Amino acid sequence: METHIIILQTLSGLAFLVYGTACLCFGGMKAEFERYGLANFRRWVGLLEIFGGLGLWLGFYFPILTLIASAGLTLLMIAGVAVRWRVGDPWIQMMPAAALGAVNLLLFVNVFGKNFAT
């Protein structure tokens, strides 16, 4: 596995563990989800982010987990950008979700191409 992929996968996993924990535990994220009109989804998003981050890390040993986690996280970040767009947030606030979505799409394509393409 290439060094840049290892670094991206490790950092993305860490980012999602941090964001997911913040989503579950900190009041600022609760206020954000209320602002989005999605307060009922905050816990689900936090859990999905934590599971996705763990899936990326466990994917070093089981590549199928990287494939599943990176696909799910890419979709979650596309939804995150769409929600921020819908509420009228500026582009700078969309950039973390867009960047993490792009990183996870890259991870998905990389793992799929090396392990699962015929």
C-alpha atoms as a PDB file:
ATOM      1  CA  MET A   1       0.000   0.000   0.000  1.00  0.00           C
ATOM      2  CA  GLU A   2       1.310   3.435  -0.906  1.00  0.00           C
ATOM      3  CA  THR A   3       2.373   5.783   1.866  1.00  0.00           C
ATOM      4  CA  HIS A   4      -0.027   8.559   0.860  1.00  0.00           C
ATOM      5  CA  ILE A   5      -2.986   6.163   1.011  1.00  0.00           C
ATOM      6  CA  ILE A   6      -1.935   4.949   4.467  1.00  0.00           C
ATOM      7  CA  ILE A   7      -1.676   8.559   5.671  1.00  0.00           C
ATOM      8  CA  LEU A   8      -5.043   9.570   4.180  1.00  0.00           C
ATOM      9  CA  GLN A   9      -6.788   6.509   5.570  1.00  0.00           C
ATOM     10  CA  THR A  10      -5.277   7.007   9.037  1.00  0.00           C
ATOM     11  CA  LEU A  11      -6.094  10.727   9.184  1.00  0.00           C
ATOM     12  CA  SER A  12      -9.590  10.294   7.791  1.00  0.00           C
ATOM     13  CA  GLY A  13     -10.291   7.581  10.356  1.00  0.00           C
ATOM     14  CA  LEU A  14      -9.062   9.875  13.126  1.00  0.00           C
ATOM     15  CA  ALA A  15     -11.092  12.824  11.830  1.00  0.00           C
ATOM     16  CA  PHE A  16     -14.289  10.797  11.807  1.00  0.00           C
ATOM     17  CA  LEU A  17     -13.656   9.398  15.276  1.00  0.00           C
ATOM     18  CA  VAL A  18     -13.211  12.963  16.553  1.00  0.00           C
ATOM     19  CA  TYR A  19     -16.203  14.396  14.640  1.00  0.00           C
ATOM     20  CA  GLY A  20     -18.404  11.462  15.619  1.00  0.00           C
ATOM     21  CA  THR A  21     -17.495  11.788  19.286  1.00  0.00           C
ATOM     22  CA  ALA A  22     -18.142  15.544  19.129  1.00  0.00           C
ATOM     23  CA  CYS A  23     -21.478  14.870  17.476  1.00  0.00           C
ATOM     24  CA  LEU A  24     -22.524  12.586  20.316  1.00  0.00           C
ATOM     25  CA  CYS A  25     -21.023  14.438  23.263  1.00  0.00           C
ATOM     26  CA  PHE A  26     -20.779  18.184  22.710  1.00  0.00           C
ATOM     27  CA  GLY A  27     -23.516  20.811  22.789  1.00  0.00           C
ATOM     28  CA  GLY A  28     -22.144  22.776  19.845  1.00  0.00           C
ATOM     29  CA  MET A  29     -22.958  19.948  17.482  1.00  0.00           C
ATOM     30  CA  LYS A  30     -26.432  19.657  18.975  1.00  0.00           C
ATOM     31  CA  ALA A  31     -27.027  23.314  18.140  1.00  0.00           C
ATOM     32  CA  GLU A  32     -25.710  22.798  14.596  1.00  0.00           C
ATOM     33  CA  PHE A  33     -28.066  19.888  13.940  1.00  0.00           C
ATOM     34  CA  GLU A  34     -30.961  21.945  15.285  1.00  0.00           C
ATOM     35  CA  ARG A  35     -29.954  24.762  12.904  1.00  0.00           C
ATOM     36  CA  TYR A  36     -29.994  22.267  10.020  1.00  0.00           C
ATOM     37  CA  GLY A  37     -33.444  21.042  11.062  1.00  0.00           C
ATOM     38  CA  LEU A  38     -31.987  17.571  11.618  1.00  0.00           C
ATOM     39  CA  ALA A  39     -31.811  17.305  15.425  1.00  0.00           C
ATOM     40  CA  ASN A  40     -33.244  13.768  15.353  1.00  0.00           C
ATOM     41  CA  PHE A  41     -30.366  12.554  13.174  1.00  0.00           C
ATOM     42  CA  ARG A  42     -27.439  13.841  15.273  1.00  0.00           C
ATOM     43  CA  ARG A  43     -26.868  10.600  17.190  1.00  0.00           C
ATOM     44  CA  TRP A  44     -27.136   8.495  14.028  1.00  0.00           C
ATOM     45  CA  VAL A  45     -24.634  10.690  12.212  1.00  0.00           C
ATOM     46  CA  GLY A  46     -22.251  10.538  15.184  1.00  0.00           C
ATOM     47  CA  LEU A  47     -22.466   6.753  15.311  1.00  0.00           C
ATOM     48  CA  LEU A  48     -22.004   6.434  11.547  1.00  0.00           C
ATOM     49  CA  GLU A  49     -18.919   8.647  11.728  1.00  0.00           C
ATOM     50  CA  ILE A  50     -17.430   6.619  14.581  1.00  0.00           C
ATOM     51  CA  PHE A  51     -18.171   3.308  12.855  1.00  0.00           C
ATOM     52  CA  GLY A  52     -16.780   4.710   9.600  1.00  0.00           C
ATOM     53  CA  GLY A  53     -13.578   5.865  11.296  1.00  0.00           C
ATOM     54  CA  LEU A  54     -13.128   2.477  12.948  1.00  0.00           C
ATOM     55  CA  GLY A  55     -13.883   0.771   9.635  1.00  0.00           C
ATOM     56  CA  LEU A  56     -11.112   2.748   7.953  1.00  0.00           C
ATOM     57  CA  TRP A  57      -8.614   1.713  10.614  1.00  0.00           C
ATOM     58  CA  LEU A  58      -9.708  -1.934  10.654  1.00  0.00           C
ATOM     59  CA  GLY A  59      -9.566  -1.813   6.872  1.00  0.00           C
ATOM     60  CA  PHE A  60      -5.776  -2.013   7.076  1.00  0.00           C
ATOM     61  CA  TYR A  61      -6.326  -5.650   8.079  1.00  0.00           C
ATOM     62  CA  PHE A  62      -9.595  -6.314   6.260  1.00  0.00           C
ATOM     63  CA  PRO A  63      -9.746  -4.296   2.998  1.00  0.00           C
ATOM     64  CA  ILE A  64     -13.480  -4.912   2.566  1.00  0.00           C
ATOM     65  CA  LEU A  65     -14.028  -2.714   5.630  1.00  0.00           C
ATOM     66  CA  THR A  66     -12.158   0.141   3.968  1.00  0.00           C
ATOM     67  CA  LEU A  67     -14.376  -0.292   0.930  1.00  0.00           C
ATOM     68  CA  ILE A  68     -17.594  -0.224   2.988  1.00  0.00           C
ATOM     69  CA  ALA A  69     -16.482   2.558   5.344  1.00  0.00           C
ATOM     70  CA  SER A  70     -15.106   4.822   2.614  1.00  0.00           C
ATOM     71  CA  ALA A  71     -18.266   4.395   0.506  1.00  0.00           C
ATOM     72  CA  GLY A  72     -20.503   5.196   3.457  1.00  0.00           C
ATOM     73  CA  LEU A  73     -18.419   8.156   4.567  1.00  0.00           C
ATOM     74  CA  THR A  74     -18.328   9.545   1.025  1.00  0.00           C
ATOM     75  CA  LEU A  75     -22.132   9.439   0.895  1.00  0.00           C
ATOM     76  CA  LEU A  76     -22.390  10.944   4.366  1.00  0.00           C
ATOM     77  CA  MET A  77     -20.134  13.839   3.363  1.00  0.00           C
ATOM     78  CA  ILE A  78     -22.094  14.435   0.150  1.00  0.00           C
ATOM     79  CA  ALA A  79     -25.194  14.698   2.342  1.00  0.00           C
ATOM     80  CA  GLY A  80     -23.304  17.033   4.701  1.00  0.00           C
ATOM     81  CA  VAL A  81     -22.379  19.379   1.865  1.00  0.00           C
ATOM     82  CA  ALA A  82     -25.960  19.276   0.572  1.00  0.00           C
ATOM     83  CA  VAL A  83     -27.354  20.158   4.004  1.00  0.00           C
ATOM     84  CA  ARG A  84     -24.955  23.075   4.402  1.00  0.00           C
ATOM     85  CA  TRP A  85     -25.868  24.241   0.887  1.00  0.00           C
ATOM     86  CA  ARG A  86     -29.581  24.023   1.746  1.00  0.00           C
ATOM     87  CA  VAL A  87     -29.227  26.186   4.879  1.00  0.00           C
ATOM     88  CA  GLY A  88     -27.127  28.739   2.993  1.00  0.00           C
ATOM     89  CA  ASP A  89     -23.761  28.228   4.662  1.00  0.00           C
ATOM     90  CA  PRO A  90     -20.745  29.776   2.918  1.00  0.00           C
ATOM     91  CA  TRP A  91     -18.379  27.571   0.910  1.00  0.00           C
ATOM     92  CA  ILE A  92     -15.683  27.758   3.592  1.00  0.00           C
ATOM     93  CA  GLN A  93     -17.989  25.910   5.985  1.00  0.00           C
ATOM     94  CA  MET A  94     -18.652  23.229   3.364  1.00  0.00           C
ATOM     95  CA  MET A  95     -14.972  22.593   2.703  1.00  0.00           C
ATOM     96  CA  PRO A  96     -14.247  20.109   5.552  1.00  0.00           C
ATOM     97  CA  ALA A  97     -17.112  17.847   4.456  1.00  0.00           C
ATOM     98  CA  ALA A  98     -16.175  18.226   0.787  1.00  0.00           C
ATOM     99  CA  ALA A  99     -12.514  17.443   1.476  1.00  0.00           C
ATOM    100  CA  LEU A 100     -13.299  14.413   3.642  1.00  0.00           C
ATOM    101  CA  GLY A 101     -15.769  13.215   1.020  1.00  0.00           C
ATOM    102  CA  ALA A 102     -13.103  13.514  -1.678  1.00  0.00           C
ATOM    103  CA  VAL A 103     -10.521  11.695   0.464  1.00  0.00           C
ATOM    104  CA  ASN A 104     -12.931   8.837   1.110  1.00  0.00           C
ATOM    105  CA  LEU A 105     -13.885   8.624  -2.547  1.00  0.00           C
ATOM    106  CA  LEU A 106     -10.169   8.336  -3.345  1.00  0.00           C
ATOM    107  CA  LEU A 107      -9.798   5.597  -0.719  1.00  0.00           C
ATOM    108  CA  PHE A 108     -12.800   3.745  -2.141  1.00  0.00           C
ATOM    109  CA  VAL A 109     -11.476   3.882  -5.717  1.00  0.00           C
ATOM    110  CA  ASN A 110      -7.988   2.861  -4.586  1.00  0.00           C
ATOM    111  CA  VAL A 111      -9.128  -0.143  -2.568  1.00  0.00           C
ATOM    112  CA  PHE A 112     -11.714  -1.227  -5.115  1.00  0.00           C
ATOM    113  CA  GLY A 113      -9.203  -1.038  -7.936  1.00  0.00           C
ATOM    114  CA  LYS A 114      -6.535  -3.017  -6.100  1.00  0.00           C
ATOM    115  CA  ASN A 115      -8.630  -5.656  -4.371  1.00  0.00           C
ATOM    116  CA  PHE A 116     -12.032  -6.087  -5.941  1.00  0.00           C
ATOM    117  CA  ALA A 117     -11.948  -5.105  -9.620  1.00  0.00           C
ATOM    118  CA  THR A 118     -11.840  -8.007 -12.030  1.00  0.00           C
END
